[in-house]
Amino acid sequence: MNRKLLAIISILLLFAFVATACGSSQSKQEEKKEEPKKEEQASNEPKVIKLAHVVNEKDPYHYNALKFKEIVEQKTNGKVKVEVYPNAVLGDERTLVEGMQVGTVDMGIITNGPIANFLPEIAVFEMPFLFASPEEAYKVLDGEVGQKVLKKLEQVNLKGLAFSERGFRNLTNSKRPVKKPEDVAGLKIRVMENPVYIETFKALGANAVPMAWTEALTAFQQGAVDGQENPINVAYAFKLYETQKYLSFTRHTYAPATILMSKKLFDSLDKETQDIIVSVAQETAQLTRKWIAEQMQEQLKVLKENGMEIEENPDIPAFQEAVKPVYEKYGKKFGTLIEEINQAK
C-alpha cells in the first residue's frame, strides 16, 4: 500500500471520527434542551395533600374536610389538590398524628383528646365543666390562649392550623337513665385515650375503658362496654341508638377538633400556599361550628324517633362537685393555663 493511499484512508477516518463526535454532542444538547421541559411539566402538576379523619361521611369532620378541599383548590387555582380519606382508612387518630410527625401522613382533622399524648397541655381545654357555652370556648380557642397552645404543636413536629369543633360531650349507655353522678357508678364507659377523660369518669365511679373509636364501635355491638361519651352529632352519625338506649345531656366537656398538618410538609410549601392553608383551615372551622349548631335539633329528633330516651336536665351541680378531684390532680400540671382560660372567657 503506497503512502498516497494511506493518507487518503487517514483523512477518511478523521472525518468519520469528527462526524461521530459532533453527532454525540448534538444529541446531548438536545437532551439538555428537553430537561427543562420535563421540569416545567412537573412544576405544573398540582400539589396533592391527603387529608384524613377516622369518622364517616355523615360526621362534621367530613363536612369540614370537604369544605377545606373545596376552598383550598379554589383559592390556589388548582395548584393544590386535596384528597379526603374518611373512615380511618389511613389509621386511627393516634396513628395519624404519629404519621404527621414523621411526614408519612399529610394532614388530619383530629379529636383534641388523643393529641394530648403528644402535647399534654392541649388537654387543658377538655377539663370537665370548664366551659359553660360554645361562645366561651370559641373566645378562648380563637384568642391568645388557644393560639399559644396551637403554636406549641410545632415543638412536636406538628403544625396546628385551627380549632374546629367536636362539641359538648354527653353520656350514652345501654343500661339505665343517668340523672345524677350515682347513676354512672359501675358503668363501663369507653373514653378517649386521654388521662383527663379517664380521671373524669373514674371520679364519677365509672369503669373508664380507654380505646380508639374504631375499636369502640365493635365493643358496643358485642356488649363489652356499656356506654360512651360524645357530642350529639356522633350519636347521630354512627346510629348509636342501635346499641345505646339512654342519652343524658351531661355536657361534661367541650371538645375541640384540631386541624393538623405535618410540619415537614407545611415547611416545604411556599409562603403564599402556607397562608392559604392556614386561612382556609380557620374559615372552615367557623363553617363547621355553624353547621353543627344548625344540624343538632334534627339529629336529636332522629335519635328520639329511633327509641333513644333523652335526659335533658341532669343534676349538673352534682356532676361538677363529683369531678373536683380532677382539678386537684391536674390543675398544677397545666401551670397557669386554667387561670388564663378563666380570665379570657
C-alpha atoms as a PDB file:
ATOM      1  CA  MET A   1       0.000   0.000   0.000  1.00  0.00           C
ATOM      2  CA  ASN A   2       1.570   3.309  -1.063  1.00  0.00           C
ATOM      3  CA  ARG A   3       1.824   6.431   1.006  1.00  0.00           C
ATOM      4  CA  LYS A   4      -0.832   8.239  -1.006  1.00  0.00           C
ATOM      5  CA  LEU A   5      -3.473   5.594  -0.252  1.00  0.00           C
ATOM      6  CA  LEU A   6      -2.583   5.622   3.434  1.00  0.00           C
ATOM      7  CA  ALA A   7      -3.005   9.358   3.539  1.00  0.00           C
ATOM      8  CA  ILE A   8      -6.481   9.126   1.970  1.00  0.00           C
ATOM      9  CA  ILE A   9      -7.588   6.435   4.458  1.00  0.00           C
ATOM     10  CA  SER A  10      -6.323   8.519   7.391  1.00  0.00           C
ATOM     11  CA  ILE A  11      -8.265  11.550   6.200  1.00  0.00           C
ATOM     12  CA  LEU A  12     -11.473   9.485   5.824  1.00  0.00           C
ATOM     13  CA  LEU A  13     -11.111   8.047   9.336  1.00  0.00           C
ATOM     14  CA  LEU A  14     -10.600  11.526  10.746  1.00  0.00           C
ATOM     15  CA  PHE A  15     -13.785  12.778   9.069  1.00  0.00           C
ATOM     16  CA  ALA A  16     -15.724   9.786  10.453  1.00  0.00           C
ATOM     17  CA  PHE A  17     -14.480  10.471  13.991  1.00  0.00           C
ATOM     18  CA  VAL A  18     -15.377  14.167  13.825  1.00  0.00           C
ATOM     19  CA  ALA A  19     -18.825  13.392  12.455  1.00  0.00           C
ATOM     20  CA  THR A  20     -19.495  10.896  15.253  1.00  0.00           C
ATOM     21  CA  ALA A  21     -18.313  13.324  17.922  1.00  0.00           C
ATOM     22  CA  CYS A  22     -20.484  16.121  16.550  1.00  0.00           C
ATOM     23  CA  GLY A  23     -23.498  13.837  16.404  1.00  0.00           C
ATOM     24  CA  SER A  24     -22.990  12.795  20.016  1.00  0.00           C
ATOM     25  CA  SER A  25     -22.558  16.403  21.121  1.00  0.00           C
ATOM     26  CA  GLN A  26     -25.694  17.447  19.251  1.00  0.00           C
ATOM     27  CA  SER A  27     -27.641  14.568  20.832  1.00  0.00           C
ATOM     28  CA  LYS A  28     -26.533  15.643  24.322  1.00  0.00           C
ATOM     29  CA  GLN A  29     -27.507  19.237  23.604  1.00  0.00           C
ATOM     30  CA  GLU A  30     -30.958  18.069  22.502  1.00  0.00           C
ATOM     31  CA  GLU A  31     -31.307  16.034  25.694  1.00  0.00           C
ATOM     32  CA  LYS A  32     -30.370  19.093  27.746  1.00  0.00           C
ATOM     33  CA  LYS A  33     -32.964  21.115  25.883  1.00  0.00           C
ATOM     34  CA  GLU A  34     -35.591  18.516  26.783  1.00  0.00           C
ATOM     35  CA  GLU A  35     -34.765  18.506  30.505  1.00  0.00           C
ATOM     36  CA  PRO A  36     -36.261  21.922  31.304  1.00  0.00           C
ATOM     37  CA  LYS A  37     -39.421  20.804  29.537  1.00  0.00           C
ATOM     38  CA  LYS A  38     -39.732  17.853  31.938  1.00  0.00           C
ATOM     39  CA  GLU A  39     -39.134  20.129  34.941  1.00  0.00           C
ATOM     40  CA  GLU A  40     -41.652  22.614  33.611  1.00  0.00           C
ATOM     41  CA  GLN A  41     -44.203  19.835  33.178  1.00  0.00           C
ATOM     42  CA  ALA A  42     -43.617  18.615  36.757  1.00  0.00           C
ATOM     43  CA  SER A  43     -43.998  22.122  38.188  1.00  0.00           C
ATOM     44  CA  ASN A  44     -47.385  22.466  36.502  1.00  0.00           C
ATOM     45  CA  GLU A  45     -48.757  19.365  38.203  1.00  0.00           C
ATOM     46  CA  PRO A  46     -50.866  20.122  41.332  1.00  0.00           C
ATOM     47  CA  LYS A  47     -49.513  19.531  44.813  1.00  0.00           C
ATOM     48  CA  VAL A  48     -51.577  16.708  46.336  1.00  0.00           C
ATOM     49  CA  ILE A  49     -52.397  16.850  50.056  1.00  0.00           C
ATOM     50  CA  LYS A  50     -54.018  13.821  51.654  1.00  0.00           C
ATOM     51  CA  LEU A  51     -56.430  14.838  54.443  1.00  0.00           C
ATOM     52  CA  ALA A  52     -57.551  12.012  56.744  1.00  0.00           C
ATOM     53  CA  HIS A  53     -60.024  11.526  59.583  1.00  0.00           C
ATOM     54  CA  VAL A  54     -61.449   8.499  61.379  1.00  0.00           C
ATOM     55  CA  VAL A  55     -65.210   9.026  61.169  1.00  0.00           C
ATOM     56  CA  ASN A  56     -67.837   8.515  58.485  1.00  0.00           C
ATOM     57  CA  GLU A  57     -69.275  10.751  55.794  1.00  0.00           C
ATOM     58  CA  LYS A  58     -72.172  11.951  57.973  1.00  0.00           C
ATOM     59  CA  ASP A  59     -69.857  13.347  60.618  1.00  0.00           C
ATOM     60  CA  PRO A  60     -68.899  17.055  60.954  1.00  0.00           C
ATOM     61  CA  TYR A  61     -65.258  16.112  60.389  1.00  0.00           C
ATOM     62  CA  HIS A  62     -66.133  15.039  56.867  1.00  0.00           C
ATOM     63  CA  TYR A  63     -68.109  18.215  56.261  1.00  0.00           C
ATOM     64  CA  ASN A  64     -65.076  20.193  57.444  1.00  0.00           C
ATOM     65  CA  ALA A  65     -62.724  18.168  55.227  1.00  0.00           C
ATOM     66  CA  LEU A  66     -64.842  18.639  52.096  1.00  0.00           C
ATOM     67  CA  LYS A  67     -65.142  22.383  52.702  1.00  0.00           C
ATOM     68  CA  PHE A  68     -61.392  22.620  53.190  1.00  0.00           C
ATOM     69  CA  LYS A  69     -60.820  20.747  49.935  1.00  0.00           C
ATOM     70  CA  GLU A  70     -63.274  22.942  48.021  1.00  0.00           C
ATOM     71  CA  ILE A  71     -61.920  26.300  49.193  1.00  0.00           C
ATOM     72  CA  VAL A  72     -58.212  25.432  49.052  1.00  0.00           C
ATOM     73  CA  GLU A  73     -58.487  24.158  45.489  1.00  0.00           C
ATOM     74  CA  GLN A  74     -60.420  27.289  44.547  1.00  0.00           C
ATOM     75  CA  LYS A  75     -58.028  29.759  46.191  1.00  0.00           C
ATOM     76  CA  THR A  76     -54.897  28.088  44.790  1.00  0.00           C
ATOM     77  CA  ASN A  77     -56.433  27.909  41.307  1.00  0.00           C
ATOM     78  CA  GLY A  78     -55.975  24.158  41.319  1.00  0.00           C
ATOM     79  CA  LYS A  79     -52.275  24.281  42.197  1.00  0.00           C
ATOM     80  CA  VAL A  80     -53.120  22.348  45.374  1.00  0.00           C
ATOM     81  CA  LYS A  81     -55.374  19.305  45.242  1.00  0.00           C
ATOM     82  CA  VAL A  82     -56.816  17.872  48.462  1.00  0.00           C
ATOM     83  CA  GLU A  83     -57.774  14.202  48.678  1.00  0.00           C
ATOM     84  CA  VAL A  84     -60.066  13.292  51.603  1.00  0.00           C
ATOM     85  CA  TYR A  85     -59.748   9.921  53.357  1.00  0.00           C
ATOM     86  CA  PRO A  86     -62.564   9.220  55.889  1.00  0.00           C
ATOM     87  CA  ASN A  87     -63.368   6.126  57.973  1.00  0.00           C
ATOM     88  CA  ALA A  88     -59.850   5.630  59.383  1.00  0.00           C
ATOM     89  CA  VAL A  89     -58.588   4.219  56.081  1.00  0.00           C
ATOM     90  CA  LEU A  90     -55.173   5.743  56.849  1.00  0.00           C
ATOM     91  CA  GLY A  91     -55.238   4.662  60.505  1.00  0.00           C
ATOM     92  CA  ASP A  92     -56.742   5.596  63.875  1.00  0.00           C
ATOM     93  CA  GLU A  93     -56.174   9.056  65.342  1.00  0.00           C
ATOM     94  CA  ARG A  94     -53.006   8.200  67.211  1.00  0.00           C
ATOM     95  CA  THR A  95     -51.573   6.601  64.062  1.00  0.00           C
ATOM     96  CA  LEU A  96     -52.488   9.679  62.006  1.00  0.00           C
ATOM     97  CA  VAL A  97     -50.772  12.038  64.450  1.00  0.00           C
ATOM     98  CA  GLU A  98     -47.651   9.861  64.566  1.00  0.00           C
ATOM     99  CA  GLY A  99     -47.635   9.799  60.757  1.00  0.00           C
ATOM    100  CA  MET A 100     -47.846  13.582  60.576  1.00  0.00           C
ATOM    101  CA  GLN A 101     -44.916  13.877  62.968  1.00  0.00           C
ATOM    102  CA  VAL A 102     -42.622  11.904  60.675  1.00  0.00           C
ATOM    103  CA  GLY A 103     -44.156  13.157  57.421  1.00  0.00           C
ATOM    104  CA  THR A 104     -45.841   9.982  56.183  1.00  0.00           C
ATOM    105  CA  VAL A 105     -49.332  11.488  56.714  1.00  0.00           C
ATOM    106  CA  ASP A 106     -50.027  14.940  55.267  1.00  0.00           C
ATOM    107  CA  MET A 107     -52.944  16.260  57.250  1.00  0.00           C
ATOM    108  CA  GLY A 108     -55.789  15.325  59.587  1.00  0.00           C
ATOM    109  CA  ILE A 109     -58.814  16.505  61.497  1.00  0.00           C
ATOM    110  CA  ILE A 110     -58.204  15.014  64.912  1.00  0.00           C
ATOM    111  CA  THR A 111     -60.236  14.922  68.111  1.00  0.00           C
ATOM    112  CA  ASN A 112     -58.347  17.019  70.625  1.00  0.00           C
ATOM    113  CA  GLY A 113     -58.163  14.284  73.249  1.00  0.00           C
ATOM    114  CA  PRO A 114     -55.641  11.940  71.578  1.00  0.00           C
ATOM    115  CA  ILE A 115     -53.340  14.859  70.737  1.00  0.00           C
ATOM    116  CA  ALA A 116     -52.642  15.200  74.461  1.00  0.00           C
ATOM    117  CA  ASN A 117     -50.471  12.087  74.181  1.00  0.00           C
ATOM    118  CA  PHE A 118     -48.073  14.240  72.141  1.00  0.00           C
ATOM    119  CA  LEU A 119     -48.634  17.686  73.718  1.00  0.00           C
ATOM    120  CA  PRO A 120     -50.025  17.173  77.258  1.00  0.00           C
ATOM    121  CA  GLU A 121     -51.073  20.794  77.851  1.00  0.00           C
ATOM    122  CA  ILE A 122     -53.602  20.708  74.999  1.00  0.00           C
ATOM    123  CA  ALA A 123     -55.781  18.540  77.264  1.00  0.00           C
ATOM    124  CA  VAL A 124     -56.487  21.619  79.398  1.00  0.00           C
ATOM    125  CA  PHE A 125     -59.336  22.590  77.085  1.00  0.00           C
ATOM    126  CA  GLU A 126     -61.178  19.396  77.988  1.00  0.00           C
ATOM    127  CA  MET A 127     -61.108  19.722  81.738  1.00  0.00           C
ATOM    128  CA  PRO A 128     -64.632  18.879  82.972  1.00  0.00           C
ATOM    129  CA  PHE A 129     -67.169  21.721  83.011  1.00  0.00           C
ATOM    130  CA  LEU A 130     -64.500  24.268  82.059  1.00  0.00           C
ATOM    131  CA  PHE A 131     -66.796  25.981  79.535  1.00  0.00           C
ATOM    132  CA  ALA A 132     -70.436  26.842  80.108  1.00  0.00           C
ATOM    133  CA  SER A 133     -71.253  27.597  76.469  1.00  0.00           C
ATOM    134  CA  PRO A 134     -69.831  27.275  72.953  1.00  0.00           C
ATOM    135  CA  GLU A 135     -69.271  31.025  72.897  1.00  0.00           C
ATOM    136  CA  GLU A 136     -66.957  30.807  75.912  1.00  0.00           C
ATOM    137  CA  ALA A 137     -64.987  28.040  74.254  1.00  0.00           C
ATOM    138  CA  TYR A 138     -64.664  29.903  70.952  1.00  0.00           C
ATOM    139  CA  LYS A 139     -63.453  33.055  72.692  1.00  0.00           C
ATOM    140  CA  VAL A 140     -60.646  31.114  74.368  1.00  0.00           C
ATOM    141  CA  LEU A 141     -59.683  28.836  71.473  1.00  0.00           C
ATOM    142  CA  ASP A 142     -59.641  31.619  68.872  1.00  0.00           C
ATOM    143  CA  GLY A 143     -57.962  34.021  71.258  1.00  0.00           C
ATOM    144  CA  GLU A 144     -54.489  34.367  72.702  1.00  0.00           C
ATOM    145  CA  VAL A 145     -54.615  31.281  74.929  1.00  0.00           C
ATOM    146  CA  GLY A 146     -55.816  28.900  72.239  1.00  0.00           C
ATOM    147  CA  GLN A 147     -53.394  30.194  69.626  1.00  0.00           C
ATOM    148  CA  LYS A 148     -50.494  29.902  72.063  1.00  0.00           C
ATOM    149  CA  VAL A 149     -51.238  26.222  72.617  1.00  0.00           C
ATOM    150  CA  LEU A 150     -51.767  25.667  68.887  1.00  0.00           C
ATOM    151  CA  LYS A 151     -48.324  27.175  68.240  1.00  0.00           C
ATOM    152  CA  LYS A 152     -46.738  24.780  70.759  1.00  0.00           C
ATOM    153  CA  LEU A 153     -47.618  21.853  68.499  1.00  0.00           C
ATOM    154  CA  GLU A 154     -44.614  22.831  66.398  1.00  0.00           C
ATOM    155  CA  GLN A 155     -42.432  21.584  69.265  1.00  0.00           C
ATOM    156  CA  VAL A 156     -43.615  18.044  68.465  1.00  0.00           C
ATOM    157  CA  ASN A 157     -43.316  18.361  64.663  1.00  0.00           C
ATOM    158  CA  LEU A 158     -46.971  19.197  64.060  1.00  0.00           C
ATOM    159  CA  LYS A 159     -48.489  22.301  62.514  1.00  0.00           C
ATOM    160  CA  GLY A 160     -51.680  23.331  64.289  1.00  0.00           C
ATOM    161  CA  LEU A 161     -53.846  25.197  61.786  1.00  0.00           C
ATOM    162  CA  ALA A 162     -57.118  25.826  63.621  1.00  0.00           C
ATOM    163  CA  PHE A 163     -59.522  24.593  66.270  1.00  0.00           C
ATOM    164  CA  SER A 164     -62.636  23.238  64.619  1.00  0.00           C
ATOM    165  CA  GLU A 165     -65.393  21.573  66.637  1.00  0.00           C
ATOM    166  CA  ARG A 166     -66.365  18.226  68.060  1.00  0.00           C
ATOM    167  CA  GLY A 167     -68.715  19.867  70.571  1.00  0.00           C
ATOM    168  CA  PHE A 168     -70.094  19.377  74.083  1.00  0.00           C
ATOM    169  CA  ARG A 169     -69.889  15.734  75.071  1.00  0.00           C
ATOM    170  CA  ASN A 170     -72.827  13.823  76.523  1.00  0.00           C
ATOM    171  CA  LEU A 171     -73.120  10.371  78.066  1.00  0.00           C
ATOM    172  CA  THR A 172     -74.935   7.480  76.414  1.00  0.00           C
ATOM    173  CA  ASN A 173     -75.306   3.943  77.726  1.00  0.00           C
ATOM    174  CA  SER A 174     -77.260   0.729  77.297  1.00  0.00           C
ATOM    175  CA  LYS A 175     -78.126   0.106  80.977  1.00  0.00           C
ATOM    176  CA  ARG A 176     -80.095   2.919  82.595  1.00  0.00           C
ATOM    177  CA  PRO A 177     -81.061   6.618  82.570  1.00  0.00           C
ATOM    178  CA  VAL A 178     -78.447   8.965  84.050  1.00  0.00           C
ATOM    179  CA  LYS A 179     -79.635  11.974  86.011  1.00  0.00           C
ATOM    180  CA  LYS A 180     -77.048  12.191  88.807  1.00  0.00           C
ATOM    181  CA  PRO A 181     -73.450  11.028  89.319  1.00  0.00           C
ATOM    182  CA  GLU A 182     -74.555   7.964  91.283  1.00  0.00           C
ATOM    183  CA  ASP A 183     -76.274   6.680  88.139  1.00  0.00           C
ATOM    184  CA  VAL A 184     -72.886   6.460  86.410  1.00  0.00           C
ATOM    185  CA  ALA A 185     -71.300   4.288  89.105  1.00  0.00           C
ATOM    186  CA  GLY A 186     -70.284   0.857  87.831  1.00  0.00           C
ATOM    187  CA  LEU A 187     -70.929   1.524  84.143  1.00  0.00           C
ATOM    188  CA  LYS A 188     -68.212   0.501  81.690  1.00  0.00           C
ATOM    189  CA  ILE A 189     -67.701   3.663  79.668  1.00  0.00           C
ATOM    190  CA  ARG A 190     -65.474   3.920  76.614  1.00  0.00           C
ATOM    191  CA  VAL A 191     -63.353   7.066  76.790  1.00  0.00           C
ATOM    192  CA  MET A 192     -60.622   8.509  74.600  1.00  0.00           C
ATOM    193  CA  GLU A 193     -57.025   7.593  75.283  1.00  0.00           C
ATOM    194  CA  ASN A 194     -56.544  10.738  77.339  1.00  0.00           C
ATOM    195  CA  PRO A 195     -55.797  10.911  81.093  1.00  0.00           C
ATOM    196  CA  VAL A 196     -58.237  13.778  81.756  1.00  0.00           C
ATOM    197  CA  TYR A 197     -61.163  11.756  80.396  1.00  0.00           C
ATOM    198  CA  ILE A 198     -60.074   8.657  82.256  1.00  0.00           C
ATOM    199  CA  GLU A 199     -59.833  10.516  85.568  1.00  0.00           C
ATOM    200  CA  THR A 200     -63.134  12.335  84.996  1.00  0.00           C
ATOM    201  CA  PHE A 201     -65.088   9.107  84.670  1.00  0.00           C
ATOM    202  CA  LYS A 202     -63.211   7.434  87.484  1.00  0.00           C
ATOM    203  CA  ALA A 203     -64.292  10.365  89.668  1.00  0.00           C
ATOM    204  CA  LEU A 204     -67.886   9.624  88.661  1.00  0.00           C
ATOM    205  CA  GLY A 205     -67.479   5.997  89.712  1.00  0.00           C
ATOM    206  CA  ALA A 206     -67.466   4.548  86.198  1.00  0.00           C
ATOM    207  CA  ASN A 207     -65.140   1.877  84.898  1.00  0.00           C
ATOM    208  CA  ALA A 208     -63.343   4.034  82.314  1.00  0.00           C
ATOM    209  CA  VAL A 209     -62.188   1.979  79.330  1.00  0.00           C
ATOM    210  CA  PRO A 210     -59.800   3.903  77.036  1.00  0.00           C
ATOM    211  CA  MET A 211     -59.821   2.744  73.421  1.00  0.00           C
ATOM    212  CA  ALA A 212     -59.720   4.040  69.857  1.00  0.00           C
ATOM    213  CA  TRP A 213     -63.088   4.877  68.295  1.00  0.00           C
ATOM    214  CA  THR A 214     -62.735   2.217  65.607  1.00  0.00           C
ATOM    215  CA  GLU A 215     -62.441  -0.427  68.343  1.00  0.00           C
ATOM    216  CA  ALA A 216     -65.266   1.107  70.383  1.00  0.00           C
ATOM    217  CA  LEU A 217     -67.903   0.517  67.710  1.00  0.00           C
ATOM    218  CA  THR A 218     -67.234  -3.227  67.839  1.00  0.00           C
ATOM    219  CA  ALA A 219     -67.218  -3.159  71.642  1.00  0.00           C
ATOM    220  CA  PHE A 220     -70.718  -1.597  71.691  1.00  0.00           C
ATOM    221  CA  GLN A 221     -72.097  -4.284  69.393  1.00  0.00           C
ATOM    222  CA  GLN A 222     -70.547  -7.057  71.472  1.00  0.00           C
ATOM    223  CA  GLY A 223     -71.683  -5.549  74.779  1.00  0.00           C
ATOM    224  CA  ALA A 224     -68.084  -5.357  76.014  1.00  0.00           C
ATOM    225  CA  VAL A 225     -68.714  -1.795  77.214  1.00  0.00           C
ATOM    226  CA  ASP A 226     -71.944  -0.201  78.413  1.00  0.00           C
ATOM    227  CA  GLY A 227     -71.617   3.269  77.005  1.00  0.00           C
ATOM    228  CA  GLN A 228     -69.576   6.169  75.719  1.00  0.00           C
ATOM    229  CA  GLU A 229     -69.437   9.957  75.799  1.00  0.00           C
ATOM    230  CA  ASN A 230     -69.537  12.138  72.694  1.00  0.00           C
ATOM    231  CA  PRO A 231     -71.467  15.041  71.157  1.00  0.00           C
ATOM    232  CA  ILE A 232     -74.932  14.596  69.657  1.00  0.00           C
ATOM    233  CA  ASN A 233     -73.510  14.600  66.142  1.00  0.00           C
ATOM    234  CA  VAL A 234     -71.542  11.410  66.857  1.00  0.00           C
ATOM    235  CA  ALA A 235     -74.555   9.587  68.315  1.00  0.00           C
ATOM    236  CA  TYR A 236     -76.434  10.509  65.138  1.00  0.00           C
ATOM    237  CA  ALA A 237     -73.696   9.810  62.577  1.00  0.00           C
ATOM    238  CA  PHE A 238     -72.919   6.365  63.997  1.00  0.00           C
ATOM    239  CA  LYS A 239     -76.520   5.362  64.848  1.00  0.00           C
ATOM    240  CA  LEU A 240     -75.642   4.763  68.482  1.00  0.00           C
ATOM    241  CA  TYR A 241     -79.337   4.273  69.201  1.00  0.00           C
ATOM    242  CA  GLU A 242     -78.824   0.751  67.863  1.00  0.00           C
ATOM    243  CA  THR A 243     -76.681  -0.136  70.910  1.00  0.00           C
ATOM    244  CA  GLN A 244     -77.265   2.742  73.394  1.00  0.00           C
ATOM    245  CA  LYS A 245     -80.792   3.342  74.657  1.00  0.00           C
ATOM    246  CA  TYR A 246     -80.110   6.207  77.097  1.00  0.00           C
ATOM    247  CA  LEU A 247     -78.630   9.650  76.473  1.00  0.00           C
ATOM    248  CA  SER A 248     -78.041  12.276  79.144  1.00  0.00           C
ATOM    249  CA  PHE A 249     -77.196  15.944  78.476  1.00  0.00           C
ATOM    250  CA  THR A 250     -74.287  15.943  80.901  1.00  0.00           C
ATOM    251  CA  ARG A 251     -72.282  18.357  78.711  1.00  0.00           C
ATOM    252  CA  HIS A 252     -69.374  17.432  80.939  1.00  0.00           C
ATOM    253  CA  THR A 253     -66.672  18.507  78.488  1.00  0.00           C
ATOM    254  CA  TYR A 254     -66.348  20.749  75.479  1.00  0.00           C
ATOM    255  CA  ALA A 255     -64.120  19.064  72.886  1.00  0.00           C
ATOM    256  CA  PRO A 256     -62.376  20.919  70.081  1.00  0.00           C
ATOM    257  CA  ALA A 257     -61.317  19.195  66.894  1.00  0.00           C
ATOM    258  CA  THR A 258     -57.851  20.232  65.785  1.00  0.00           C
ATOM    259  CA  ILE A 259     -56.975  20.691  62.125  1.00  0.00           C
ATOM    260  CA  LEU A 260     -53.396  19.469  61.899  1.00  0.00           C
ATOM    261  CA  MET A 261     -50.738  19.225  59.216  1.00  0.00           C
ATOM    262  CA  SER A 262     -47.336  17.626  59.078  1.00  0.00           C
ATOM    263  CA  LYS A 263     -44.871  20.391  59.964  1.00  0.00           C
ATOM    264  CA  LYS A 264     -42.447  18.839  57.500  1.00  0.00           C
ATOM    265  CA  LEU A 265     -44.986  19.273  54.698  1.00  0.00           C
ATOM    266  CA  PHE A 266     -46.078  22.748  55.823  1.00  0.00           C
ATOM    267  CA  ASP A 267     -42.480  23.999  55.904  1.00  0.00           C
ATOM    268  CA  SER A 268     -41.926  22.701  52.356  1.00  0.00           C
ATOM    269  CA  LEU A 269     -44.713  24.883  50.934  1.00  0.00           C
ATOM    270  CA  ASP A 270     -44.170  28.396  49.604  1.00  0.00           C
ATOM    271  CA  LYS A 271     -45.358  31.323  51.745  1.00  0.00           C
ATOM    272  CA  GLU A 272     -48.421  32.038  49.608  1.00  0.00           C
ATOM    273  CA  THR A 273     -49.644  28.447  49.866  1.00  0.00           C
ATOM    274  CA  GLN A 274     -48.948  28.360  53.614  1.00  0.00           C
ATOM    275  CA  ASP A 275     -51.062  31.479  54.131  1.00  0.00           C
ATOM    276  CA  ILE A 276     -53.927  29.993  52.112  1.00  0.00           C
ATOM    277  CA  ILE A 277     -53.790  26.706  54.057  1.00  0.00           C
ATOM    278  CA  VAL A 278     -53.940  28.497  57.430  1.00  0.00           C
ATOM    279  CA  SER A 279     -56.685  30.945  56.452  1.00  0.00           C
ATOM    280  CA  VAL A 280     -58.872  28.229  54.897  1.00  0.00           C
ATOM    281  CA  ALA A 281     -58.445  25.986  57.954  1.00  0.00           C
ATOM    282  CA  GLN A 282     -59.675  28.846  60.146  1.00  0.00           C
ATOM    283  CA  GLU A 283     -62.524  29.656  57.767  1.00  0.00           C
ATOM    284  CA  THR A 284     -63.763  26.075  57.542  1.00  0.00           C
ATOM    285  CA  ALA A 285     -63.525  25.669  61.323  1.00  0.00           C
ATOM    286  CA  GLN A 286     -66.030  28.517  61.653  1.00  0.00           C
ATOM    287  CA  LEU A 287     -68.277  26.989  58.991  1.00  0.00           C
ATOM    288  CA  THR A 288     -68.225  23.629  60.771  1.00  0.00           C
ATOM    289  CA  ARG A 289     -69.205  25.154  64.118  1.00  0.00           C
ATOM    290  CA  LYS A 290     -72.177  26.815  62.445  1.00  0.00           C
ATOM    291  CA  TRP A 291     -73.139  23.622  60.591  1.00  0.00           C
ATOM    292  CA  ILE A 292     -73.098  21.556  63.795  1.00  0.00           C
ATOM    293  CA  ALA A 293     -75.408  24.033  65.558  1.00  0.00           C
ATOM    294  CA  GLU A 294     -77.836  24.038  62.625  1.00  0.00           C
ATOM    295  CA  GLN A 295     -77.989  20.233  62.465  1.00  0.00           C
ATOM    296  CA  MET A 296     -78.439  19.485  66.161  1.00  0.00           C
ATOM    297  CA  GLN A 297     -82.224  19.688  66.531  1.00  0.00           C
ATOM    298  CA  GLU A 298     -82.855  17.480  63.516  1.00  0.00           C
ATOM    299  CA  GLN A 299     -80.311  14.967  64.778  1.00  0.00           C
ATOM    300  CA  LEU A 300     -81.962  14.855  68.219  1.00  0.00           C
ATOM    301  CA  LYS A 301     -85.291  14.238  66.522  1.00  0.00           C
ATOM    302  CA  VAL A 302     -83.828  11.212  64.686  1.00  0.00           C
ATOM    303  CA  LEU A 303     -82.369   9.820  67.923  1.00  0.00           C
ATOM    304  CA  LYS A 304     -85.753  10.083  69.663  1.00  0.00           C
ATOM    305  CA  GLU A 305     -87.615   8.559  66.710  1.00  0.00           C
ATOM    306  CA  ASN A 306     -85.279   5.581  66.929  1.00  0.00           C
ATOM    307  CA  GLY A 307     -86.095   4.918  70.573  1.00  0.00           C
ATOM    308  CA  MET A 308     -83.379   6.774  72.436  1.00  0.00           C
ATOM    309  CA  GLU A 309     -84.541   8.083  75.825  1.00  0.00           C
ATOM    310  CA  ILE A 310     -83.047  11.516  76.496  1.00  0.00           C
ATOM    311  CA  GLU A 311     -82.494  13.080  79.916  1.00  0.00           C
ATOM    312  CA  GLU A 312     -82.338  16.795  79.149  1.00  0.00           C
ATOM    313  CA  ASN A 313     -81.893  18.091  82.710  1.00  0.00           C
ATOM    314  CA  PRO A 314     -79.405  16.026  84.714  1.00  0.00           C
ATOM    315  CA  ASP A 315     -78.122  17.396  88.040  1.00  0.00           C
ATOM    316  CA  ILE A 316     -75.185  19.395  86.658  1.00  0.00           C
ATOM    317  CA  PRO A 317     -74.105  20.937  90.015  1.00  0.00           C
ATOM    318  CA  ALA A 318     -73.808  17.415  91.445  1.00  0.00           C
ATOM    319  CA  PHE A 319     -71.653  16.352  88.496  1.00  0.00           C
ATOM    320  CA  GLN A 320     -69.460  19.433  88.916  1.00  0.00           C
ATOM    321  CA  GLU A 321     -68.938  18.603  92.568  1.00  0.00           C
ATOM    322  CA  ALA A 322     -68.103  14.984  91.774  1.00  0.00           C
ATOM    323  CA  VAL A 323     -65.286  15.866  89.354  1.00  0.00           C
ATOM    324  CA  LYS A 324     -63.452  18.307  91.634  1.00  0.00           C
ATOM    325  CA  PRO A 325     -60.695  15.715  92.291  1.00  0.00           C
ATOM    326  CA  VAL A 326     -59.754  16.010  88.594  1.00  0.00           C
ATOM    327  CA  TYR A 327     -58.877  19.669  89.146  1.00  0.00           C
ATOM    328  CA  GLU A 328     -56.958  18.800  92.296  1.00  0.00           C
ATOM    329  CA  LYS A 329     -54.906  16.261  90.359  1.00  0.00           C
ATOM    330  CA  TYR A 330     -54.364  18.111  87.089  1.00  0.00           C
ATOM    331  CA  GLY A 331     -54.673  21.795  87.955  1.00  0.00           C
ATOM    332  CA  LYS A 332     -50.981  22.287  88.742  1.00  0.00           C
ATOM    333  CA  LYS A 333     -49.861  20.175  85.780  1.00  0.00           C
ATOM    334  CA  PHE A 334     -51.284  22.773  83.410  1.00  0.00           C
ATOM    335  CA  GLY A 335     -49.443  25.618  85.123  1.00  0.00           C
ATOM    336  CA  THR A 336     -51.282  28.911  84.667  1.00  0.00           C
ATOM    337  CA  LEU A 337     -53.400  27.774  81.700  1.00  0.00           C
ATOM    338  CA  ILE A 338     -56.629  27.153  83.626  1.00  0.00           C
ATOM    339  CA  GLU A 339     -56.357  30.589  85.224  1.00  0.00           C
ATOM    340  CA  GLU A 340     -55.639  32.152  81.817  1.00  0.00           C
ATOM    341  CA  ILE A 341     -58.677  30.411  80.335  1.00  0.00           C
ATOM    342  CA  ASN A 342     -60.967  31.601  83.125  1.00  0.00           C
ATOM    343  CA  GLN A 343     -59.733  35.165  82.667  1.00  0.00           C
ATOM    344  CA  ALA A 344     -60.225  35.010  78.890  1.00  0.00           C
ATOM    345  CA  LYS A 345     -63.802  33.679  78.935  1.00  0.00           C
END
